[in-house]
């Protein structure tokens, strides 16, 4: 079968891009740095029938979206994010499930000189199995070692690299000698598009408890501001009512004015000793049944001892 020419191939690619964007309203913009073609194939297979992975040159993807803006103007929100080594993962399913499916497809990779460390790299204390002739190499990297049974042993854990550090040639050599693959590479979710709205992937991790907590914080702030400036709102009304009731009780306590809710308070203020004597009496009344039960238990034990022998003490 003859291979299609470049012009036809581009036209088919543009059609594919616009068709997929019309069919799938949910899109992940993913970074594909350090992802091999074999790993990409595995990712496509794992998401088959659930999502579609679309890769291509940024200029071609932007051109396809720009030419389709008349039919789908929301695609304009995707254009600023099509930069760098990125691709699209399109789906109709739950965004959180597909996000987790994207992130789980990662593979361990050895450190390469010149690469940027995406995470902390810590070399654990261990016996390296290397001969003493390699001691100078560890000393150059300021790694504390000792000779144990004819081999080099790393004494303490060593924090070799931090996120964002460039991997040096010595760092890469050390990690490869120790057979440590410190990095994991896969598609990285950079942005999420859902029915015309673009947002950070961190939004997918927000739970109902987070929303409830933020709502209550805002409600407390509104109530505090309303009370401070004397502007009544739904949030501050319960507090205003309670504060007003406290003021009424204070007035009733200082004057002869009374109302049903203030009578008990005024009675207490008139004779505090009556309430003081009533409290111990109530406590004693509550303790009496417990004390009676405690006294009854030894009697029950004595009766059971006589029954066990089958006759009384004086039979």
C-alpha atoms as a PDB file:
ATOM      1  CA  UNK A   1       0.000   0.000   0.000  1.00  0.00           C
ATOM      2  CA  UNK A   2       1.592   3.339  -1.028  1.00  0.00           C
ATOM      3  CA  UNK A   3       2.366   5.773   1.774  1.00  0.00           C
ATOM      4  CA  UNK A   4       0.217   8.912   1.812  1.00  0.00           C
ATOM      5  CA  UNK A   5       1.963  12.168   1.048  1.00  0.00           C
ATOM      6  CA  UNK A   6       2.812  14.715   3.744  1.00  0.00           C
ATOM      7  CA  UNK A   7      -0.029  17.063   2.865  1.00  0.00           C
ATOM      8  CA  UNK A   8      -2.621  14.326   3.096  1.00  0.00           C
ATOM      9  CA  UNK A   9      -1.098  13.061   6.344  1.00  0.00           C
ATOM     10  CA  UNK A  10      -1.439  16.528   7.919  1.00  0.00           C
ATOM     11  CA  UNK A  11      -5.030  16.842   6.752  1.00  0.00           C
ATOM     12  CA  UNK A  12      -5.861  13.456   8.280  1.00  0.00           C
ATOM     13  CA  UNK A  13      -4.133  14.451  11.533  1.00  0.00           C
ATOM     14  CA  UNK A  14      -6.133  17.704  11.739  1.00  0.00           C
ATOM     15  CA  UNK A  15      -9.343  15.777  11.183  1.00  0.00           C
ATOM     16  CA  UNK A  16      -8.385  13.292  13.880  1.00  0.00           C
ATOM     17  CA  UNK A  17      -7.638  16.046  16.406  1.00  0.00           C
ATOM     18  CA  UNK A  18     -10.907  17.927  15.828  1.00  0.00           C
ATOM     19  CA  UNK A  19     -12.979  14.730  15.798  1.00  0.00           C
ATOM     20  CA  UNK A  20     -11.539  13.571  19.123  1.00  0.00           C
ATOM     21  CA  UNK A  21     -12.006  16.988  20.747  1.00  0.00           C
ATOM     22  CA  UNK A  22     -15.659  17.011  19.673  1.00  0.00           C
ATOM     23  CA  UNK A  23     -16.216  13.452  20.877  1.00  0.00           C
ATOM     24  CA  UNK A  24     -14.464  13.746  24.259  1.00  0.00           C
ATOM     25  CA  UNK A  25     -15.307  16.793  26.427  1.00  0.00           C
ATOM     26  CA  UNK A  26     -12.736  15.885  29.097  1.00  0.00           C
ATOM     27  CA  UNK A  27      -9.027  16.283  28.339  1.00  0.00           C
ATOM     28  CA  UNK A  28      -5.817  15.909  30.327  1.00  0.00           C
ATOM     29  CA  UNK A  29      -2.800  17.869  29.118  1.00  0.00           C
ATOM     30  CA  UNK A  30       0.142  15.637  30.036  1.00  0.00           C
ATOM     31  CA  UNK A  31       3.892  16.099  29.972  1.00  0.00           C
ATOM     32  CA  UNK A  32       5.794  13.310  28.269  1.00  0.00           C
ATOM     33  CA  UNK A  33       9.410  14.045  29.199  1.00  0.00           C
ATOM     34  CA  UNK A  34      11.633  10.964  29.466  1.00  0.00           C
ATOM     35  CA  UNK A  35       8.805   8.641  28.357  1.00  0.00           C
ATOM     36  CA  UNK A  36      10.051   6.038  25.890  1.00  0.00           C
ATOM     37  CA  UNK A  37       8.040   4.825  22.913  1.00  0.00           C
ATOM     38  CA  UNK A  38       7.732   1.372  24.495  1.00  0.00           C
ATOM     39  CA  UNK A  39       6.345   2.861  27.701  1.00  0.00           C
ATOM     40  CA  UNK A  40       3.955   5.026  25.696  1.00  0.00           C
ATOM     41  CA  UNK A  41       2.643   1.913  23.986  1.00  0.00           C
ATOM     42  CA  UNK A  42       2.040   0.286  27.373  1.00  0.00           C
ATOM     43  CA  UNK A  43       0.161   3.395  28.533  1.00  0.00           C
ATOM     44  CA  UNK A  44      -2.054   3.318  25.447  1.00  0.00           C
ATOM     45  CA  UNK A  45      -2.827  -0.363  26.027  1.00  0.00           C
ATOM     46  CA  UNK A  46      -3.685   0.129  29.703  1.00  0.00           C
ATOM     47  CA  UNK A  47      -6.210   2.875  28.882  1.00  0.00           C
ATOM     48  CA  UNK A  48      -7.774   1.227  25.864  1.00  0.00           C
ATOM     49  CA  UNK A  49     -11.591   1.648  25.722  1.00  0.00           C
ATOM     50  CA  UNK A  50     -11.406   4.174  28.571  1.00  0.00           C
ATOM     51  CA  UNK A  51      -9.289   7.005  27.153  1.00  0.00           C
ATOM     52  CA  UNK A  52      -7.404   8.011  24.003  1.00  0.00           C
ATOM     53  CA  UNK A  53      -3.802   9.257  24.026  1.00  0.00           C
ATOM     54  CA  UNK A  54      -3.066  11.846  21.345  1.00  0.00           C
ATOM     55  CA  UNK A  55       0.504  12.961  20.687  1.00  0.00           C
ATOM     56  CA  UNK A  56       1.913  15.234  18.002  1.00  0.00           C
ATOM     57  CA  UNK A  57       3.806  18.412  17.284  1.00  0.00           C
ATOM     58  CA  UNK A  58       2.595  21.414  19.247  1.00  0.00           C
ATOM     59  CA  UNK A  59       2.307  23.555  16.122  1.00  0.00           C
ATOM     60  CA  UNK A  60       0.047  20.992  14.455  1.00  0.00           C
ATOM     61  CA  UNK A  61      -2.164  20.557  17.510  1.00  0.00           C
ATOM     62  CA  UNK A  62      -2.513  24.327  17.918  1.00  0.00           C
ATOM     63  CA  UNK A  63      -3.279  24.762  14.231  1.00  0.00           C
ATOM     64  CA  UNK A  64      -5.953  22.066  14.350  1.00  0.00           C
ATOM     65  CA  UNK A  65      -7.574  23.696  17.413  1.00  0.00           C
ATOM     66  CA  UNK A  66      -7.358  27.201  15.955  1.00  0.00           C
ATOM     67  CA  UNK A  67      -9.041  26.079  12.756  1.00  0.00           C
ATOM     68  CA  UNK A  68     -11.846  24.469  14.771  1.00  0.00           C
ATOM     69  CA  UNK A  69     -12.614  27.445  17.037  1.00  0.00           C
ATOM     70  CA  UNK A  70     -15.661  28.417  14.974  1.00  0.00           C
ATOM     71  CA  UNK A  71     -17.318  25.123  15.827  1.00  0.00           C
ATOM     72  CA  UNK A  72     -15.939  24.821  19.375  1.00  0.00           C
ATOM     73  CA  UNK A  73     -14.804  28.211  20.788  1.00  0.00           C
ATOM     74  CA  UNK A  74     -13.966  26.652  24.175  1.00  0.00           C
ATOM     75  CA  UNK A  75     -10.857  25.086  22.623  1.00  0.00           C
ATOM     76  CA  UNK A  76      -9.192  28.488  22.881  1.00  0.00           C
ATOM     77  CA  UNK A  77      -8.664  27.802  26.590  1.00  0.00           C
ATOM     78  CA  UNK A  78      -6.473  24.826  25.702  1.00  0.00           C
ATOM     79  CA  UNK A  79      -4.125  26.746  23.400  1.00  0.00           C
ATOM     80  CA  UNK A  80      -1.961  28.459  26.107  1.00  0.00           C
ATOM     81  CA  UNK A  81      -1.156  25.054  27.630  1.00  0.00           C
ATOM     82  CA  UNK A  82       0.069  23.410  24.411  1.00  0.00           C
ATOM     83  CA  UNK A  83       3.759  24.068  24.915  1.00  0.00           C
ATOM     84  CA  UNK A  84       6.715  21.873  25.683  1.00  0.00           C
ATOM     85  CA  UNK A  85       6.742  18.110  25.268  1.00  0.00           C
ATOM     86  CA  UNK A  86       3.035  17.534  25.877  1.00  0.00           C
ATOM     87  CA  UNK A  87       0.188  15.365  24.681  1.00  0.00           C
ATOM     88  CA  UNK A  88      -3.539  14.950  25.247  1.00  0.00           C
ATOM     89  CA  UNK A  89      -5.451  12.201  27.038  1.00  0.00           C
ATOM     90  CA  UNK A  90      -9.127  12.401  26.080  1.00  0.00           C
ATOM     91  CA  UNK A  91     -11.943  10.607  27.900  1.00  0.00           C
ATOM     92  CA  UNK A  92     -15.647  10.530  28.739  1.00  0.00           C
ATOM     93  CA  UNK A  93     -15.164   8.770  32.073  1.00  0.00           C
ATOM     94  CA  UNK A  94     -14.564   9.980  35.619  1.00  0.00           C
ATOM     95  CA  UNK A  95     -11.611  12.375  35.697  1.00  0.00           C
ATOM     96  CA  UNK A  96     -10.254  11.121  39.015  1.00  0.00           C
ATOM     97  CA  UNK A  97     -10.161   7.493  37.864  1.00  0.00           C
ATOM     98  CA  UNK A  98      -8.441   8.336  34.584  1.00  0.00           C
ATOM     99  CA  UNK A  99      -5.958  10.617  36.403  1.00  0.00           C
ATOM    100  CA  UNK A 100      -4.996   7.738  38.708  1.00  0.00           C
ATOM    101  CA  UNK A 101      -4.705   5.427  35.700  1.00  0.00           C
ATOM    102  CA  UNK A 102      -2.308   7.869  34.035  1.00  0.00           C
ATOM    103  CA  UNK A 103      -0.126   8.288  37.109  1.00  0.00           C
ATOM    104  CA  UNK A 104       0.138   4.579  37.894  1.00  0.00           C
ATOM    105  CA  UNK A 105       1.907   3.890  34.603  1.00  0.00           C
ATOM    106  CA  UNK A 106       5.431   4.782  35.687  1.00  0.00           C
ATOM    107  CA  UNK A 107       8.682   2.887  35.257  1.00  0.00           C
ATOM    108  CA  UNK A 108      11.933   3.081  37.216  1.00  0.00           C
ATOM    109  CA  UNK A 109      14.862   4.592  35.355  1.00  0.00           C
ATOM    110  CA  UNK A 110      18.582   4.953  36.089  1.00  0.00           C
ATOM    111  CA  UNK A 111      20.109   8.366  36.669  1.00  0.00           C
ATOM    112  CA  UNK A 112      21.666   9.993  33.630  1.00  0.00           C
ATOM    113  CA  UNK A 113      24.253  12.766  33.714  1.00  0.00           C
ATOM    114  CA  UNK A 114      22.694  16.135  32.907  1.00  0.00           C
ATOM    115  CA  UNK A 115      19.139  15.096  33.816  1.00  0.00           C
ATOM    116  CA  UNK A 116      17.106  17.060  36.369  1.00  0.00           C
ATOM    117  CA  UNK A 117      16.235  15.168  39.535  1.00  0.00           C
ATOM    118  CA  UNK A 118      12.408  15.067  39.935  1.00  0.00           C
ATOM    119  CA  UNK A 119      12.630  13.819  43.533  1.00  0.00           C
ATOM    120  CA  UNK A 120      15.003  13.387  46.453  1.00  0.00           C
ATOM    121  CA  UNK A 121      17.727  10.790  45.976  1.00  0.00           C
ATOM    122  CA  UNK A 122      19.052   9.201  49.173  1.00  0.00           C
ATOM    123  CA  UNK A 123      21.778   6.580  49.097  1.00  0.00           C
ATOM    124  CA  UNK A 124      21.125   4.254  52.058  1.00  0.00           C
ATOM    125  CA  UNK A 125      23.840   2.977  54.370  1.00  0.00           C
ATOM    126  CA  UNK A 126      24.963  -0.363  52.956  1.00  0.00           C
ATOM    127  CA  UNK A 127      27.820  -2.634  52.062  1.00  0.00           C
ATOM    128  CA  UNK A 128      28.549  -1.755  48.452  1.00  0.00           C
ATOM    129  CA  UNK A 129      30.462  -4.928  47.614  1.00  0.00           C
ATOM    130  CA  UNK A 130      33.115  -2.764  45.940  1.00  0.00           C
ATOM    131  CA  UNK A 131      36.796  -3.195  46.591  1.00  0.00           C
ATOM    132  CA  UNK A 132      38.982  -0.765  48.553  1.00  0.00           C
ATOM    133  CA  UNK A 133      40.385   0.706  45.327  1.00  0.00           C
ATOM    134  CA  UNK A 134      37.115   2.658  44.915  1.00  0.00           C
ATOM    135  CA  UNK A 135      37.540   4.504  48.232  1.00  0.00           C
ATOM    136  CA  UNK A 136      38.837   7.681  46.574  1.00  0.00           C
ATOM    137  CA  UNK A 137      35.682   7.849  44.432  1.00  0.00           C
ATOM    138  CA  UNK A 138      33.466   7.939  47.549  1.00  0.00           C
ATOM    139  CA  UNK A 139      35.770  10.464  49.214  1.00  0.00           C
ATOM    140  CA  UNK A 140      35.400  12.800  46.227  1.00  0.00           C
ATOM    141  CA  UNK A 141      31.653  12.769  46.779  1.00  0.00           C
ATOM    142  CA  UNK A 142      32.080  13.323  50.564  1.00  0.00           C
ATOM    143  CA  UNK A 143      30.410  10.011  51.368  1.00  0.00           C
ATOM    144  CA  UNK A 144      31.569   8.530  54.712  1.00  0.00           C
ATOM    145  CA  UNK A 145      32.764   4.943  54.286  1.00  0.00           C
ATOM    146  CA  UNK A 146      34.754   2.232  56.004  1.00  0.00           C
ATOM    147  CA  UNK A 147      36.348  -1.015  54.929  1.00  0.00           C
ATOM    148  CA  UNK A 148      34.423  -4.025  56.182  1.00  0.00           C
ATOM    149  CA  UNK A 149      35.595  -7.562  55.284  1.00  0.00           C
ATOM    150  CA  UNK A 150      37.548  -6.309  52.327  1.00  0.00           C
ATOM    151  CA  UNK A 151      34.719  -4.216  50.804  1.00  0.00           C
ATOM    152  CA  UNK A 152      33.544  -0.608  51.075  1.00  0.00           C
ATOM    153  CA  UNK A 153      30.630   0.030  53.408  1.00  0.00           C
ATOM    154  CA  UNK A 154      28.668   3.303  53.430  1.00  0.00           C
ATOM    155  CA  UNK A 155      28.334   4.309  57.078  1.00  0.00           C
ATOM    156  CA  UNK A 156      25.358   6.717  56.967  1.00  0.00           C
ATOM    157  CA  UNK A 157      22.485   7.538  54.635  1.00  0.00           C
ATOM    158  CA  UNK A 158      23.557  10.197  52.136  1.00  0.00           C
ATOM    159  CA  UNK A 159      21.177  12.800  50.668  1.00  0.00           C
ATOM    160  CA  UNK A 160      22.730  12.879  47.217  1.00  0.00           C
ATOM    161  CA  UNK A 161      20.252  14.955  45.179  1.00  0.00           C
ATOM    162  CA  UNK A 162      17.306  17.256  45.821  1.00  0.00           C
ATOM    163  CA  UNK A 163      14.394  17.964  43.456  1.00  0.00           C
ATOM    164  CA  UNK A 164      15.571  20.286  40.696  1.00  0.00           C
ATOM    165  CA  UNK A 165      19.284  19.414  41.044  1.00  0.00           C
ATOM    166  CA  UNK A 166      21.244  18.504  37.943  1.00  0.00           C
ATOM    167  CA  UNK A 167      22.597  14.969  37.991  1.00  0.00           C
ATOM    168  CA  UNK A 168      26.368  15.130  37.721  1.00  0.00           C
ATOM    169  CA  UNK A 169      28.546  12.537  36.012  1.00  0.00           C
ATOM    170  CA  UNK A 170      29.880  11.328  39.379  1.00  0.00           C
ATOM    171  CA  UNK A 171      26.349  11.075  40.812  1.00  0.00           C
ATOM    172  CA  UNK A 172      25.167   9.006  37.856  1.00  0.00           C
ATOM    173  CA  UNK A 173      28.235   6.749  38.040  1.00  0.00           C
ATOM    174  CA  UNK A 174      27.747   6.140  41.765  1.00  0.00           C
ATOM    175  CA  UNK A 175      24.061   5.285  41.431  1.00  0.00           C
ATOM    176  CA  UNK A 176      24.730   2.947  38.524  1.00  0.00           C
ATOM    177  CA  UNK A 177      27.537   1.217  40.427  1.00  0.00           C
ATOM    178  CA  UNK A 178      25.170   0.651  43.344  1.00  0.00           C
ATOM    179  CA  UNK A 179      22.412  -0.483  40.916  1.00  0.00           C
ATOM    180  CA  UNK A 180      20.049   2.193  42.171  1.00  0.00           C
ATOM    181  CA  UNK A 181      17.335   3.463  39.804  1.00  0.00           C
ATOM    182  CA  UNK A 182      16.197   6.556  41.720  1.00  0.00           C
ATOM    183  CA  UNK A 183      13.763   8.078  39.239  1.00  0.00           C
ATOM    184  CA  UNK A 184      10.383   7.024  37.915  1.00  0.00           C
ATOM    185  CA  UNK A 185       9.115   8.416  34.639  1.00  0.00           C
ATOM    186  CA  UNK A 186       5.665   8.511  33.128  1.00  0.00           C
ATOM    187  CA  UNK A 187       3.040  10.920  31.883  1.00  0.00           C
ATOM    188  CA  UNK A 188       2.642  13.924  34.193  1.00  0.00           C
ATOM    189  CA  UNK A 189      -0.751  15.617  34.399  1.00  0.00           C
ATOM    190  CA  UNK A 190      -0.181  19.355  33.864  1.00  0.00           C
ATOM    191  CA  UNK A 191      -3.698  20.694  33.279  1.00  0.00           C
ATOM    192  CA  UNK A 192      -7.278  19.448  33.135  1.00  0.00           C
ATOM    193  CA  UNK A 193      -9.949  20.567  30.656  1.00  0.00           C
ATOM    194  CA  UNK A 194     -13.587  19.741  31.331  1.00  0.00           C
ATOM    195  CA  UNK A 195     -16.391  21.068  29.103  1.00  0.00           C
ATOM    196  CA  UNK A 196     -14.737  24.402  28.411  1.00  0.00           C
ATOM    197  CA  UNK A 197     -13.078  24.905  31.809  1.00  0.00           C
ATOM    198  CA  UNK A 198      -9.344  24.538  32.480  1.00  0.00           C
ATOM    199  CA  UNK A 199      -8.080  23.938  36.018  1.00  0.00           C
ATOM    200  CA  UNK A 200      -5.168  22.513  37.972  1.00  0.00           C
ATOM    201  CA  UNK A 201      -5.085  18.743  38.568  1.00  0.00           C
ATOM    202  CA  UNK A 202      -4.895  19.466  42.312  1.00  0.00           C
ATOM    203  CA  UNK A 203      -8.621  20.319  42.150  1.00  0.00           C
ATOM    204  CA  UNK A 204      -9.358  16.625  41.599  1.00  0.00           C
ATOM    205  CA  UNK A 205      -8.030  15.847  45.096  1.00  0.00           C
ATOM    206  CA  UNK A 206     -10.527  18.149  46.837  1.00  0.00           C
ATOM    207  CA  UNK A 207     -12.970  16.114  48.954  1.00  0.00           C
ATOM    208  CA  UNK A 208     -16.376  16.915  50.442  1.00  0.00           C
ATOM    209  CA  UNK A 209     -14.703  17.371  53.835  1.00  0.00           C
ATOM    210  CA  UNK A 210     -12.358  19.991  52.326  1.00  0.00           C
ATOM    211  CA  UNK A 211     -15.309  21.895  50.866  1.00  0.00           C
ATOM    212  CA  UNK A 212     -17.214  21.713  54.149  1.00  0.00           C
ATOM    213  CA  UNK A 213     -14.191  22.942  56.101  1.00  0.00           C
ATOM    214  CA  UNK A 214     -13.590  25.881  53.744  1.00  0.00           C
ATOM    215  CA  UNK A 215     -17.291  26.790  53.830  1.00  0.00           C
ATOM    216  CA  UNK A 216     -17.306  26.838  57.640  1.00  0.00           C
ATOM    217  CA  UNK A 217     -14.167  29.007  57.680  1.00  0.00           C
ATOM    218  CA  UNK A 218     -15.835  31.506  55.364  1.00  0.00           C
ATOM    219  CA  UNK A 219     -19.017  31.434  57.434  1.00  0.00           C
ATOM    220  CA  UNK A 220     -17.057  32.209  60.601  1.00  0.00           C
ATOM    221  CA  UNK A 221     -15.261  35.091  58.867  1.00  0.00           C
ATOM    222  CA  UNK A 222     -18.546  36.580  57.616  1.00  0.00           C
ATOM    223  CA  UNK A 223     -20.072  36.299  61.091  1.00  0.00           C
ATOM    224  CA  UNK A 224     -17.041  37.941  62.728  1.00  0.00           C
ATOM    225  CA  UNK A 225     -16.979  40.862  60.268  1.00  0.00           C
ATOM    226  CA  UNK A 226     -20.747  41.362  60.535  1.00  0.00           C
ATOM    227  CA  UNK A 227     -20.625  41.453  64.329  1.00  0.00           C
ATOM    228  CA  UNK A 228     -17.681  43.860  64.312  1.00  0.00           C
ATOM    229  CA  UNK A 229     -19.293  46.416  61.990  1.00  0.00           C
ATOM    230  CA  UNK A 230     -22.831  45.897  63.278  1.00  0.00           C
ATOM    231  CA  UNK A 231     -24.253  44.723  59.961  1.00  0.00           C
ATOM    232  CA  UNK A 232     -26.720  41.846  60.453  1.00  0.00           C
ATOM    233  CA  UNK A 233     -26.441  38.810  58.192  1.00  0.00           C
ATOM    234  CA  UNK A 234     -27.730  35.245  58.260  1.00  0.00           C
ATOM    235  CA  UNK A 235     -24.350  34.121  59.602  1.00  0.00           C
ATOM    236  CA  UNK A 236     -24.248  36.676  62.424  1.00  0.00           C
ATOM    237  CA  UNK A 237     -27.934  36.619  63.429  1.00  0.00           C
ATOM    238  CA  UNK A 238     -27.665  33.655  65.895  1.00  0.00           C
ATOM    239  CA  UNK A 239     -24.702  35.327  67.627  1.00  0.00           C
ATOM    240  CA  UNK A 240     -26.533  38.645  67.787  1.00  0.00           C
ATOM    241  CA  UNK A 241     -29.571  36.969  69.350  1.00  0.00           C
ATOM    242  CA  UNK A 242     -27.450  35.194  71.964  1.00  0.00           C
ATOM    243  CA  UNK A 243     -25.554  38.383  72.798  1.00  0.00           C
ATOM    244  CA  UNK A 244     -28.857  40.263  73.092  1.00  0.00           C
ATOM    245  CA  UNK A 245     -30.225  37.604  75.445  1.00  0.00           C
ATOM    246  CA  UNK A 246     -27.100  37.915  77.607  1.00  0.00           C
ATOM    247  CA  UNK A 247     -27.670  41.651  77.808  1.00  0.00           C
ATOM    248  CA  UNK A 248     -31.298  41.092  78.900  1.00  0.00           C
ATOM    249  CA  UNK A 249     -30.152  38.718  81.648  1.00  0.00           C
ATOM    250  CA  UNK A 250     -27.622  41.313  82.814  1.00  0.00           C
ATOM    251  CA  UNK A 251     -30.353  43.985  83.000  1.00  0.00           C
ATOM    252  CA  UNK A 252     -32.690  41.632  84.875  1.00  0.00           C
ATOM    253  CA  UNK A 253     -29.923  40.828  87.358  1.00  0.00           C
ATOM    254  CA  UNK A 254     -29.357  44.511  88.162  1.00  0.00           C
ATOM    255  CA  UNK A 255     -33.014  45.611  88.223  1.00  0.00           C
ATOM    256  CA  UNK A 256     -36.434  44.419  89.353  1.00  0.00           C
ATOM    257  CA  UNK A 257     -37.378  43.566  85.786  1.00  0.00           C
ATOM    258  CA  UNK A 258     -38.004  39.867  85.321  1.00  0.00           C
ATOM    259  CA  UNK A 259     -39.183  37.368  82.711  1.00  0.00           C
ATOM    260  CA  UNK A 260     -39.529  33.556  82.775  1.00  0.00           C
ATOM    261  CA  UNK A 261     -36.046  32.852  81.410  1.00  0.00           C
ATOM    262  CA  UNK A 262     -34.433  35.065  84.085  1.00  0.00           C
ATOM    263  CA  UNK A 263     -36.294  33.733  87.142  1.00  0.00           C
ATOM    264  CA  UNK A 264     -33.885  30.880  87.884  1.00  0.00           C
ATOM    265  CA  UNK A 265     -30.906  33.233  87.619  1.00  0.00           C
ATOM    266  CA  UNK A 266     -32.520  35.766  89.967  1.00  0.00           C
ATOM    267  CA  UNK A 267     -33.361  32.976  92.439  1.00  0.00           C
ATOM    268  CA  UNK A 268     -29.756  31.827  92.424  1.00  0.00           C
ATOM    269  CA  UNK A 269     -28.479  35.350  92.988  1.00  0.00           C
ATOM    270  CA  UNK A 270     -30.960  35.821  95.871  1.00  0.00           C
ATOM    271  CA  UNK A 271     -29.915  32.624  97.719  1.00  0.00           C
ATOM    272  CA  UNK A 272     -26.807  30.849  96.313  1.00  0.00           C
ATOM    273  CA  UNK A 273     -26.633  28.567  99.385  1.00  0.00           C
ATOM    274  CA  UNK A 274     -29.886  26.833  98.400  1.00  0.00           C
ATOM    275  CA  UNK A 275     -28.333  25.712  95.142  1.00  0.00           C
ATOM    276  CA  UNK A 276     -25.071  24.775  96.880  1.00  0.00           C
ATOM    277  CA  UNK A 277     -26.885  22.435  99.319  1.00  0.00           C
ATOM    278  CA  UNK A 278     -29.059  20.958  96.584  1.00  0.00           C
ATOM    279  CA  UNK A 279     -26.085  19.872  94.516  1.00  0.00           C
ATOM    280  CA  UNK A 280     -24.499  17.502  97.144  1.00  0.00           C
ATOM    281  CA  UNK A 281     -27.930  16.066  97.947  1.00  0.00           C
ATOM    282  CA  UNK A 282     -28.530  15.226  94.299  1.00  0.00           C
ATOM    283  CA  UNK A 283     -25.073  13.653  94.074  1.00  0.00           C
ATOM    284  CA  UNK A 284     -25.694  11.565  97.192  1.00  0.00           C
ATOM    285  CA  UNK A 285     -29.044  10.400  95.827  1.00  0.00           C
ATOM    286  CA  UNK A 286     -27.332   9.266  92.659  1.00  0.00           C
ATOM    287  CA  UNK A 287     -24.630   7.367  94.584  1.00  0.00           C
ATOM    288  CA  UNK A 288     -27.072   5.502  96.846  1.00  0.00           C
ATOM    289  CA  UNK A 289     -28.217   2.847  94.316  1.00  0.00           C
ATOM    290  CA  UNK A 290     -24.597   2.137  93.379  1.00  0.00           C
ATOM    291  CA  UNK A 291     -23.603   1.696  97.040  1.00  0.00           C
ATOM    292  CA  UNK A 292     -26.569  -0.627  97.660  1.00  0.00           C
ATOM    293  CA  UNK A 293     -25.599  -2.766  94.694  1.00  0.00           C
ATOM    294  CA  UNK A 294     -22.009  -2.970  95.947  1.00  0.00           C
ATOM    295  CA  UNK A 295     -23.207  -4.194  99.364  1.00  0.00           C
ATOM    296  CA  UNK A 296     -25.514  -6.771  97.790  1.00  0.00           C
ATOM    297  CA  UNK A 297     -22.747  -8.385  95.727  1.00  0.00           C
ATOM    298  CA  UNK A 298     -20.791  -9.966  98.661  1.00  0.00           C
ATOM    299  CA  UNK A 299     -24.035 -11.458 100.024  1.00  0.00           C
ATOM    300  CA  UNK A 300     -24.731 -13.063  96.681  1.00  0.00           C
ATOM    301  CA  UNK A 301     -21.202 -14.503  96.644  1.00  0.00           C
ATOM    302  CA  UNK A 302     -21.646 -16.040 100.116  1.00  0.00           C
ATOM    303  CA  UNK A 303     -24.921 -17.697  99.087  1.00  0.00           C
ATOM    304  CA  UNK A 304     -23.297 -19.153  95.975  1.00  0.00           C
ATOM    305  CA  UNK A 305     -20.467 -20.641  98.084  1.00  0.00           C
ATOM    306  CA  UNK A 306     -22.999 -22.487 100.287  1.00  0.00           C
ATOM    307  CA  UNK A 307     -24.878 -23.736  97.236  1.00  0.00           C
ATOM    308  CA  UNK A 308     -21.685 -25.115  95.710  1.00  0.00           C
ATOM    309  CA  UNK A 309     -21.124 -27.468  98.678  1.00  0.00           C
ATOM    310  CA  UNK A 310     -24.701 -28.731  98.534  1.00  0.00           C
ATOM    311  CA  UNK A 311     -25.356 -28.040 102.271  1.00  0.00           C
ATOM    312  CA  UNK A 312     -25.302 -25.125 104.698  1.00  0.00           C
ATOM    313  CA  UNK A 313     -22.651 -24.430 107.316  1.00  0.00           C
ATOM    314  CA  UNK A 314     -24.796 -25.822 110.186  1.00  0.00           C
ATOM    315  CA  UNK A 315     -26.500 -28.726 108.316  1.00  0.00           C
END
